[in-house]
Amino acid sequence: MQASFLLPSYLVQTIILNLHNLFLLELQDLYDAKQQITQALPQMLEFTLSDELKETFSSHLEEKASDQKLSSLAEGLINRQADKGMTASQAL
């Protein structure tokens, strides 16, 4: 026989809120990493000597510049949290 139990609703709400905040923090980290890579690629492209690597960096830079999905999602969620008056540190 298997035992089953229910968590109190306040605990379930706390868990959901913490998971949501964790998701937002991870999304912010991904967005920041994408921004840093996009900013660093032109310099990497400028200083590399390998033609193959230059082509790879150039292609990657074009992909990052045209990829708006993560940027739109991240900016929307981050702005929504800012409108609520929350900062990333408050989410912790």
PDB file of N, CA and C in Angstrom:
ATOM      1  N   MET A   1       0.848  -1.185   0.000  1.00  0.00           N
ATOM      2  CA  MET A   1       0.000   0.000   0.000  1.00  0.00           C
ATOM      3  C   MET A   1       0.890   1.244   0.000  1.00  0.00           C
ATOM      4  N   GLN A   2       0.499   2.199  -0.775  1.00  0.00           N
ATOM      5  CA  GLN A   2       1.287   3.409  -0.926  1.00  0.00           C
ATOM      6  C   GLN A   2       0.672   4.542  -0.111  1.00  0.00           C
ATOM      7  N   ALA A   3       1.517   5.213   0.666  1.00  0.00           N
ATOM      8  CA  ALA A   3       1.034   6.338   1.470  1.00  0.00           C
ATOM      9  C   ALA A   3       0.984   7.591   0.606  1.00  0.00           C
ATOM     10  N   SER A   4      -0.024   8.381   0.813  1.00  0.00           N
ATOM     11  CA  SER A   4      -0.112   9.647   0.099  1.00  0.00           C
ATOM     12  C   SER A   4      -0.394  10.765   1.098  1.00  0.00           C
ATOM     13  N   PHE A   5       0.066  11.933   0.769  1.00  0.00           N
ATOM     14  CA  PHE A   5      -0.159  13.082   1.631  1.00  0.00           C
ATOM     15  C   PHE A   5      -0.246  14.333   0.781  1.00  0.00           C
ATOM     16  N   LEU A   6      -0.852  15.345   1.322  1.00  0.00           N
ATOM     17  CA  LEU A   6      -0.980  16.624   0.644  1.00  0.00           C
ATOM     18  C   LEU A   6      -0.176  17.666   1.409  1.00  0.00           C
ATOM     19  N   LEU A   7       0.483  18.498   0.656  1.00  0.00           N
ATOM     20  CA  LEU A   7       1.205  19.602   1.274  1.00  0.00           C
ATOM     21  C   LEU A   7       0.227  20.733   1.568  1.00  0.00           C
ATOM     22  N   PRO A   8       0.458  21.473   2.642  1.00  0.00           N
ATOM     23  CA  PRO A   8      -0.392  22.630   2.912  1.00  0.00           C
ATOM     24  C   PRO A   8      -0.297  23.628   1.757  1.00  0.00           C
ATOM     25  N   SER A   9      -1.381  24.313   1.485  1.00  0.00           N
ATOM     26  CA  SER A   9      -1.430  25.216   0.334  1.00  0.00           C
ATOM     27  C   SER A   9      -0.389  26.334   0.419  1.00  0.00           C
ATOM     28  N   TYR A  10      -0.110  26.844   1.624  1.00  0.00           N
ATOM     29  CA  TYR A  10       0.906  27.902   1.738  1.00  0.00           C
ATOM     30  C   TYR A  10       2.282  27.386   1.327  1.00  0.00           C
ATOM     31  N   LEU A  11       2.557  26.116   1.614  1.00  0.00           N
ATOM     32  CA  LEU A  11       3.840  25.534   1.244  1.00  0.00           C
ATOM     33  C   LEU A  11       3.926  25.340  -0.271  1.00  0.00           C
ATOM     34  N   VAL A  12       2.838  24.905  -0.867  1.00  0.00           N
ATOM     35  CA  VAL A  12       2.796  24.742  -2.322  1.00  0.00           C
ATOM     36  C   VAL A  12       2.998  26.096  -2.997  1.00  0.00           C
ATOM     37  N   GLN A  13       2.348  27.139  -2.501  1.00  0.00           N
ATOM     38  CA  GLN A  13       2.501  28.479  -3.070  1.00  0.00           C
ATOM     39  C   GLN A  13       3.934  28.978  -2.927  1.00  0.00           C
ATOM     40  N   THR A  14       4.562  28.706  -1.798  1.00  0.00           N
ATOM     41  CA  THR A  14       5.954  29.110  -1.579  1.00  0.00           C
ATOM     42  C   THR A  14       6.886  28.396  -2.546  1.00  0.00           C
ATOM     43  N   ILE A  15       6.665  27.110  -2.738  1.00  0.00           N
ATOM     44  CA  ILE A  15       7.483  26.327  -3.670  1.00  0.00           C
ATOM     45  C   ILE A  15       7.328  26.866  -5.088  1.00  0.00           C
ATOM     46  N   ILE A  16       6.099  27.130  -5.493  1.00  0.00           N
ATOM     47  CA  ILE A  16       5.848  27.654  -6.845  1.00  0.00           C
ATOM     48  C   ILE A  16       6.506  29.019  -7.022  1.00  0.00           C
ATOM     49  N   LEU A  17       6.388  29.879  -6.051  1.00  0.00           N
ATOM     50  CA  LEU A  17       7.014  31.206  -6.120  1.00  0.00           C
ATOM     51  C   LEU A  17       8.530  31.084  -6.216  1.00  0.00           C
ATOM     52  N   ASN A  18       9.117  30.192  -5.426  1.00  0.00           N
ATOM     53  CA  ASN A  18      10.570  30.005  -5.466  1.00  0.00           C
ATOM     54  C   ASN A  18      11.015  29.450  -6.814  1.00  0.00           C
ATOM     55  N   LEU A  19      10.260  28.520  -7.372  1.00  0.00           N
ATOM     56  CA  LEU A  19      10.603  27.991  -8.696  1.00  0.00           C
ATOM     57  C   LEU A  19      10.497  29.074  -9.769  1.00  0.00           C
ATOM     58  N   HIS A  20       9.472  29.904  -9.664  1.00  0.00           N
ATOM     59  CA  HIS A  20       9.300  31.008 -10.606  1.00  0.00           C
ATOM     60  C   HIS A  20      10.480  31.983 -10.510  1.00  0.00           C
ATOM     61  N   ASN A  21      10.862  32.322  -9.291  1.00  0.00           N
ATOM     62  CA  ASN A  21      11.990  33.232  -9.088  1.00  0.00           C
ATOM     63  C   ASN A  21      13.288  32.619  -9.599  1.00  0.00           C
ATOM     64  N   LEU A  22      13.467  31.328  -9.374  1.00  0.00           N
ATOM     65  CA  LEU A  22      14.648  30.641  -9.882  1.00  0.00           C
ATOM     66  C   LEU A  22      14.677  30.678 -11.409  1.00  0.00           C
ATOM     67  N   PHE A  23      13.539  30.452 -12.021  1.00  0.00           N
ATOM     68  CA  PHE A  23      13.432  30.522 -13.480  1.00  0.00           C
ATOM     69  C   PHE A  23      13.834  31.910 -13.979  1.00  0.00           C
ATOM     70  N   LEU A  24      13.335  32.952 -13.325  1.00  0.00           N
ATOM     71  CA  LEU A  24      13.664  34.319 -13.745  1.00  0.00           C
ATOM     72  C   LEU A  24      15.156  34.616 -13.582  1.00  0.00           C
ATOM     73  N   LEU A  25      15.740  34.133 -12.504  1.00  0.00           N
ATOM     74  CA  LEU A  25      17.168  34.352 -12.294  1.00  0.00           C
ATOM     75  C   LEU A  25      17.994  33.619 -13.349  1.00  0.00           C
ATOM     76  N   GLU A  26      17.615  32.399 -13.672  1.00  0.00           N
ATOM     77  CA  GLU A  26      18.326  31.641 -14.700  1.00  0.00           C
ATOM     78  C   GLU A  26      18.161  32.311 -16.071  1.00  0.00           C
ATOM     79  N   LEU A  27      16.968  32.797 -16.346  1.00  0.00           N
ATOM     80  CA  LEU A  27      16.724  33.498 -17.607  1.00  0.00           C
ATOM     81  C   LEU A  27      17.567  34.763 -17.693  1.00  0.00           C
ATOM     82  N   GLN A  28      17.665  35.484 -16.597  1.00  0.00           N
ATOM     83  CA  GLN A  28      18.501  36.690 -16.556  1.00  0.00           C
ATOM     84  C   GLN A  28      19.960  36.322 -16.825  1.00  0.00           C
ATOM     85  N   ASP A  29      20.432  35.228 -16.223  1.00  0.00           N
ATOM     86  CA  ASP A  29      21.809  34.796 -16.450  1.00  0.00           C
ATOM     87  C   ASP A  29      22.047  34.434 -17.917  1.00  0.00           C
ATOM     88  N   LEU A  30      21.101  33.714 -18.522  1.00  0.00           N
ATOM     89  CA  LEU A  30      21.223  33.361 -19.942  1.00  0.00           C
ATOM     90  C   LEU A  30      21.254  34.606 -20.813  1.00  0.00           C
ATOM     91  N   TYR A  31      20.381  35.531 -20.512  1.00  0.00           N
ATOM     92  CA  TYR A  31      20.308  36.779 -21.276  1.00  0.00           C
ATOM     93  C   TYR A  31      21.614  37.561 -21.153  1.00  0.00           C
ATOM     94  N   ASP A  32      22.136  37.659 -19.921  1.00  0.00           N
ATOM     95  CA  ASP A  32      23.392  38.379 -19.711  1.00  0.00           C
ATOM     96  C   ASP A  32      24.548  37.699 -20.445  1.00  0.00           C
ATOM     97  N   ALA A  33      24.598  36.368 -20.411  1.00  0.00           N
ATOM     98  CA  ALA A  33      25.651  35.634 -21.113  1.00  0.00           C
ATOM     99  C   ALA A  33      25.560  35.878 -22.615  1.00  0.00           C
ATOM    100  N   LYS A  34      24.340  35.872 -23.143  1.00  0.00           N
ATOM    101  CA  LYS A  34      24.142  36.127 -24.574  1.00  0.00           C
ATOM    102  C   LYS A  34      24.624  37.526 -24.926  1.00  0.00           C
ATOM    103  N   GLN A  35      24.313  38.499 -24.093  1.00  0.00           N
ATOM    104  CA  GLN A  35      24.746  39.876 -24.341  1.00  0.00           C
ATOM    105  C   GLN A  35      26.270  39.981 -24.317  1.00  0.00           C
ATOM    106  N   GLN A  36      26.905  39.317 -23.360  1.00  0.00           N
ATOM    107  CA  GLN A  36      28.364  39.372 -23.251  1.00  0.00           C
ATOM    108  C   GLN A  36      29.034  38.730 -24.461  1.00  0.00           C
ATOM    109  N   ILE A  37      28.506  37.595 -24.899  1.00  0.00           N
ATOM    110  CA  ILE A  37      29.062  36.919 -26.072  1.00  0.00           C
ATOM    111  C   ILE A  37      28.895  37.798 -27.306  1.00  0.00           C
ATOM    112  N   THR A  38      27.718  38.379 -27.458  1.00  0.00           N
ATOM    113  CA  THR A  38      27.455  39.233 -28.619  1.00  0.00           C
ATOM    114  C   THR A  38      28.390  40.439 -28.632  1.00  0.00           C
ATOM    115  N   GLN A  39      28.711  40.975 -27.466  1.00  0.00           N
ATOM    116  CA  GLN A  39      29.629  42.112 -27.398  1.00  0.00           C
ATOM    117  C   GLN A  39      31.081  41.690 -27.625  1.00  0.00           C
ATOM    118  N   ALA A  40      31.449  40.482 -27.216  1.00  0.00           N
ATOM    119  CA  ALA A  40      32.837  40.025 -27.325  1.00  0.00           C
ATOM    120  C   ALA A  40      33.181  39.492 -28.717  1.00  0.00           C
ATOM    121  N   LEU A  41      32.207  38.988 -29.437  1.00  0.00           N
ATOM    122  CA  LEU A  41      32.486  38.371 -30.734  1.00  0.00           C
ATOM    123  C   LEU A  41      33.179  39.301 -31.735  1.00  0.00           C
ATOM    124  N   PRO A  42      32.807  40.560 -31.855  1.00  0.00           N
ATOM    125  CA  PRO A  42      33.521  41.425 -32.807  1.00  0.00           C
ATOM    126  C   PRO A  42      35.018  41.544 -32.502  1.00  0.00           C
ATOM    127  N   GLN A  43      35.366  41.632 -31.227  1.00  0.00           N
ATOM    128  CA  GLN A  43      36.780  41.702 -30.860  1.00  0.00           C
ATOM    129  C   GLN A  43      37.485  40.378 -31.156  1.00  0.00           C
ATOM    130  N   MET A  44      36.820  39.284 -30.857  1.00  0.00           N
ATOM    131  CA  MET A  44      37.399  37.974 -31.137  1.00  0.00           C
ATOM    132  C   MET A  44      37.603  37.809 -32.637  1.00  0.00           C
ATOM    133  N   LEU A  45      36.651  38.279 -33.406  1.00  0.00           N
ATOM    134  CA  LEU A  45      36.732  38.212 -34.864  1.00  0.00           C
ATOM    135  C   LEU A  45      37.910  39.050 -35.372  1.00  0.00           C
ATOM    136  N   GLU A  46      38.104  40.205 -34.769  1.00  0.00           N
ATOM    137  CA  GLU A  46      39.175  41.110 -35.191  1.00  0.00           C
ATOM    138  C   GLU A  46      40.570  40.529 -34.919  1.00  0.00           C
ATOM    139  N   PHE A  47      40.731  39.825 -33.808  1.00  0.00           N
ATOM    140  CA  PHE A  47      42.065  39.391 -33.390  1.00  0.00           C
ATOM    141  C   PHE A  47      42.423  37.953 -33.782  1.00  0.00           C
ATOM    142  N   THR A  48      41.489  37.216 -34.348  1.00  0.00           N
ATOM    143  CA  THR A  48      41.815  35.850 -34.740  1.00  0.00           C
ATOM    144  C   THR A  48      42.577  35.827 -36.057  1.00  0.00           C
ATOM    145  N   LEU A  49      43.459  34.866 -36.200  1.00  0.00           N
ATOM    146  CA  LEU A  49      44.268  34.743 -37.406  1.00  0.00           C
ATOM    147  C   LEU A  49      43.728  33.664 -38.344  1.00  0.00           C
ATOM    148  N   SER A  50      42.967  32.751 -37.815  1.00  0.00           N
ATOM    149  CA  SER A  50      42.456  31.624 -38.596  1.00  0.00           C
ATOM    150  C   SER A  50      41.244  32.053 -39.424  1.00  0.00           C
ATOM    151  N   ASP A  51      41.292  31.787 -40.716  1.00  0.00           N
ATOM    152  CA  ASP A  51      40.153  32.107 -41.581  1.00  0.00           C
ATOM    153  C   ASP A  51      38.915  31.302 -41.190  1.00  0.00           C
ATOM    154  N   GLU A  52      39.146  30.047 -40.830  1.00  0.00           N
ATOM    155  CA  GLU A  52      38.017  29.188 -40.431  1.00  0.00           C
ATOM    156  C   GLU A  52      37.364  29.721 -39.159  1.00  0.00           C
ATOM    157  N   LEU A  53      38.183  30.143 -38.217  1.00  0.00           N
ATOM    158  CA  LEU A  53      37.656  30.691 -36.972  1.00  0.00           C
ATOM    159  C   LEU A  53      36.959  32.029 -37.217  1.00  0.00           C
ATOM    160  N   LYS A  54      37.509  32.852 -38.103  1.00  0.00           N
ATOM    161  CA  LYS A  54      36.853  34.121 -38.449  1.00  0.00           C
ATOM    162  C   LYS A  54      35.468  33.867 -39.032  1.00  0.00           C
ATOM    163  N   GLU A  55      35.385  32.878 -39.911  1.00  0.00           N
ATOM    164  CA  GLU A  55      34.098  32.539 -40.510  1.00  0.00           C
ATOM    165  C   GLU A  55      33.110  32.049 -39.453  1.00  0.00           C
ATOM    166  N   THR A  56      33.596  31.237 -38.526  1.00  0.00           N
ATOM    167  CA  THR A  56      32.742  30.720 -37.451  1.00  0.00           C
ATOM    168  C   THR A  56      32.252  31.851 -36.554  1.00  0.00           C
ATOM    169  N   PHE A  57      33.162  32.739 -36.148  1.00  0.00           N
ATOM    170  CA  PHE A  57      32.771  33.875 -35.307  1.00  0.00           C
ATOM    171  C   PHE A  57      31.772  34.771 -36.030  1.00  0.00           C
ATOM    172  N   SER A  58      32.020  35.025 -37.289  1.00  0.00           N
ATOM    173  CA  SER A  58      31.134  35.876 -38.077  1.00  0.00           C
ATOM    174  C   SER A  58      29.740  35.271 -38.185  1.00  0.00           C
ATOM    175  N   SER A  59      29.691  33.986 -38.464  1.00  0.00           N
ATOM    176  CA  SER A  59      28.409  33.288 -38.558  1.00  0.00           C
ATOM    177  C   SER A  59      27.681  33.315 -37.222  1.00  0.00           C
ATOM    178  N   HIS A  60      28.427  33.075 -36.153  1.00  0.00           N
ATOM    179  CA  HIS A  60      27.820  33.062 -34.816  1.00  0.00           C
ATOM    180  C   HIS A  60      27.303  34.449 -34.442  1.00  0.00           C
ATOM    181  N   LEU A  61      28.041  35.476 -34.809  1.00  0.00           N
ATOM    182  CA  LEU A  61      27.623  36.849 -34.525  1.00  0.00           C
ATOM    183  C   LEU A  61      26.330  37.184 -35.252  1.00  0.00           C
ATOM    184  N   GLU A  62      26.220  36.764 -36.509  1.00  0.00           N
ATOM    185  CA  GLU A  62      24.989  36.996 -37.270  1.00  0.00           C
ATOM    186  C   GLU A  62      23.810  36.260 -36.637  1.00  0.00           C
ATOM    187  N   GLU A  63      24.040  35.034 -36.195  1.00  0.00           N
ATOM    188  CA  GLU A  63      22.975  34.264 -35.546  1.00  0.00           C
ATOM    189  C   GLU A  63      22.531  34.937 -34.253  1.00  0.00           C
ATOM    190  N   LYS A  64      23.485  35.374 -33.447  1.00  0.00           N
ATOM    191  CA  LYS A  64      23.150  36.008 -32.171  1.00  0.00           C
ATOM    192  C   LYS A  64      22.414  37.326 -32.389  1.00  0.00           C
ATOM    193  N   ALA A  65      22.822  38.072 -33.392  1.00  0.00           N
ATOM    194  CA  ALA A  65      22.180  39.361 -33.663  1.00  0.00           C
ATOM    195  C   ALA A  65      20.747  39.170 -34.161  1.00  0.00           C
ATOM    196  N   SER A  66      20.513  38.098 -34.902  1.00  0.00           N
ATOM    197  CA  SER A  66      19.184  37.893 -35.464  1.00  0.00           C
ATOM    198  C   SER A  66      18.256  37.118 -34.530  1.00  0.00           C
ATOM    199  N   ASP A  67      18.808  36.500 -33.506  1.00  0.00           N
ATOM    200  CA  ASP A  67      17.993  35.707 -32.588  1.00  0.00           C
ATOM    201  C   ASP A  67      17.329  36.623 -31.564  1.00  0.00           C
ATOM    202  N   GLN A  68      16.065  36.874 -31.744  1.00  0.00           N
ATOM    203  CA  GLN A  68      15.350  37.785 -30.849  1.00  0.00           C
ATOM    204  C   GLN A  68      14.462  37.064 -29.842  1.00  0.00           C
ATOM    205  N   LYS A  69      14.353  35.747 -29.967  1.00  0.00           N
ATOM    206  CA  LYS A  69      13.439  35.020 -29.084  1.00  0.00           C
ATOM    207  C   LYS A  69      13.835  35.142 -27.618  1.00  0.00           C
ATOM    208  N   LEU A  70      15.070  34.798 -27.300  1.00  0.00           N
ATOM    209  CA  LEU A  70      15.526  34.874 -25.914  1.00  0.00           C
ATOM    210  C   LEU A  70      15.501  36.309 -25.422  1.00  0.00           C
ATOM    211  N   SER A  71      15.943  37.232 -26.262  1.00  0.00           N
ATOM    212  CA  SER A  71      15.964  38.642 -25.861  1.00  0.00           C
ATOM    213  C   SER A  71      14.561  39.145 -25.538  1.00  0.00           C
ATOM    214  N   SER A  72      13.618  38.842 -26.402  1.00  0.00           N
ATOM    215  CA  SER A  72      12.242  39.298 -26.189  1.00  0.00           C
ATOM    216  C   SER A  72      11.644  38.691 -24.931  1.00  0.00           C
ATOM    217  N   LEU A  73      11.847  37.393 -24.757  1.00  0.00           N
ATOM    218  CA  LEU A  73      11.318  36.701 -23.584  1.00  0.00           C
ATOM    219  C   LEU A  73      11.948  37.251 -22.313  1.00  0.00           C
ATOM    220  N   ALA A  74      13.258  37.344 -22.306  1.00  0.00           N
ATOM    221  CA  ALA A  74      13.961  37.813 -21.111  1.00  0.00           C
ATOM    222  C   ALA A  74      13.583  39.250 -20.771  1.00  0.00           C
ATOM    223  N   GLU A  75      13.621  40.109 -21.757  1.00  0.00           N
ATOM    224  CA  GLU A  75      13.301  41.510 -21.500  1.00  0.00           C
ATOM    225  C   GLU A  75      11.867  41.671 -21.005  1.00  0.00           C
ATOM    226  N   GLY A  76      10.950  40.929 -21.596  1.00  0.00           N
ATOM    227  CA  GLY A  76       9.557  41.007 -21.168  1.00  0.00           C
ATOM    228  C   GLY A  76       9.368  40.573 -19.732  1.00  0.00           C
ATOM    229  N   LEU A  77       9.945  39.438 -19.365  1.00  0.00           N
ATOM    230  CA  LEU A  77       9.800  38.937 -18.000  1.00  0.00           C
ATOM    231  C   LEU A  77      10.543  39.807 -16.996  1.00  0.00           C
ATOM    232  N   ILE A  78      11.730  40.256 -17.374  1.00  0.00           N
ATOM    233  CA  ILE A  78      12.512  41.101 -16.471  1.00  0.00           C
ATOM    234  C   ILE A  78      11.816  42.441 -16.261  1.00  0.00           C
ATOM    235  N   ASN A  79      11.289  43.003 -17.327  1.00  0.00           N
ATOM    236  CA  ASN A  79      10.563  44.273 -17.196  1.00  0.00           C
ATOM    237  C   ASN A  79       9.297  44.107 -16.377  1.00  0.00           C
ATOM    238  N   ARG A  80       8.633  42.974 -16.534  1.00  0.00           N
ATOM    239  CA  ARG A  80       7.413  42.722 -15.755  1.00  0.00           C
ATOM    240  C   ARG A  80       7.739  42.646 -14.268  1.00  0.00           C
ATOM    241  N   GLN A  81       8.867  42.009 -13.936  1.00  0.00           N
ATOM    242  CA  GLN A  81       9.275  41.947 -12.536  1.00  0.00           C
ATOM    243  C   GLN A  81       9.655  43.334 -12.030  1.00  0.00           C
ATOM    244  N   ALA A  82      10.302  44.130 -12.878  1.00  0.00           N
ATOM    245  CA  ALA A  82      10.684  45.486 -12.490  1.00  0.00           C
ATOM    246  C   ALA A  82       9.437  46.333 -12.249  1.00  0.00           C
ATOM    247  N   ASP A  83       8.404  46.128 -13.068  1.00  0.00           N
ATOM    248  CA  ASP A  83       7.151  46.863 -12.881  1.00  0.00           C
ATOM    249  C   ASP A  83       6.497  46.514 -11.547  1.00  0.00           C
ATOM    250  N   LYS A  84       6.736  45.306 -11.085  1.00  0.00           N
ATOM    251  CA  LYS A  84       6.185  44.887  -9.795  1.00  0.00           C
ATOM    252  C   LYS A  84       7.037  45.386  -8.641  1.00  0.00           C
ATOM    253  N   GLY A  85       8.179  46.003  -8.979  1.00  0.00           N
ATOM    254  CA  GLY A  85       9.050  46.532  -7.937  1.00  0.00           C
ATOM    255  C   GLY A  85      10.022  45.509  -7.388  1.00  0.00           C
ATOM    256  N   MET A  86      10.200  44.393  -8.084  1.00  0.00           N
ATOM    257  CA  MET A  86      11.120  43.356  -7.607  1.00  0.00           C
ATOM    258  C   MET A  86      12.446  43.472  -8.339  1.00  0.00           C
ATOM    259  N   THR A  87      13.501  43.222  -7.619  1.00  0.00           N
ATOM    260  CA  THR A  87      14.815  43.114  -8.223  1.00  0.00           C
ATOM    261  C   THR A  87      15.233  41.656  -8.155  1.00  0.00           C
ATOM    262  N   ALA A  88      16.291  41.315  -8.865  1.00  0.00           N
ATOM    263  CA  ALA A  88      16.770  39.933  -8.851  1.00  0.00           C
ATOM    264  C   ALA A  88      17.176  39.512  -7.436  1.00  0.00           C
ATOM    265  N   SER A  89      17.778  40.418  -6.690  1.00  0.00           N
ATOM    266  CA  SER A  89      18.199  40.068  -5.327  1.00  0.00           C
ATOM    267  C   SER A  89      16.994  39.835  -4.419  1.00  0.00           C
ATOM    268  N   GLN A  90      15.898  40.527  -4.661  1.00  0.00           N
ATOM    269  CA  GLN A  90      14.698  40.298  -3.874  1.00  0.00           C
ATOM    270  C   GLN A  90      14.094  38.940  -4.163  1.00  0.00           C
ATOM    271  N   ALA A  91      14.305  38.460  -5.388  1.00  0.00           N
ATOM    272  CA  ALA A  91      13.762  37.150  -5.749  1.00  0.00           C
ATOM    273  C   ALA A  91      14.471  36.045  -4.987  1.00  0.00           C
ATOM    274  N   LEU A  92      15.712  36.311  -4.557  1.00  0.00           N
ATOM    275  CA  LEU A  92      16.422  35.311  -3.760  1.00  0.00           C
ATOM    276  C   LEU A  92      15.818  35.243  -2.400  1.00  0.00           C
TER     277      LEU A  92
END
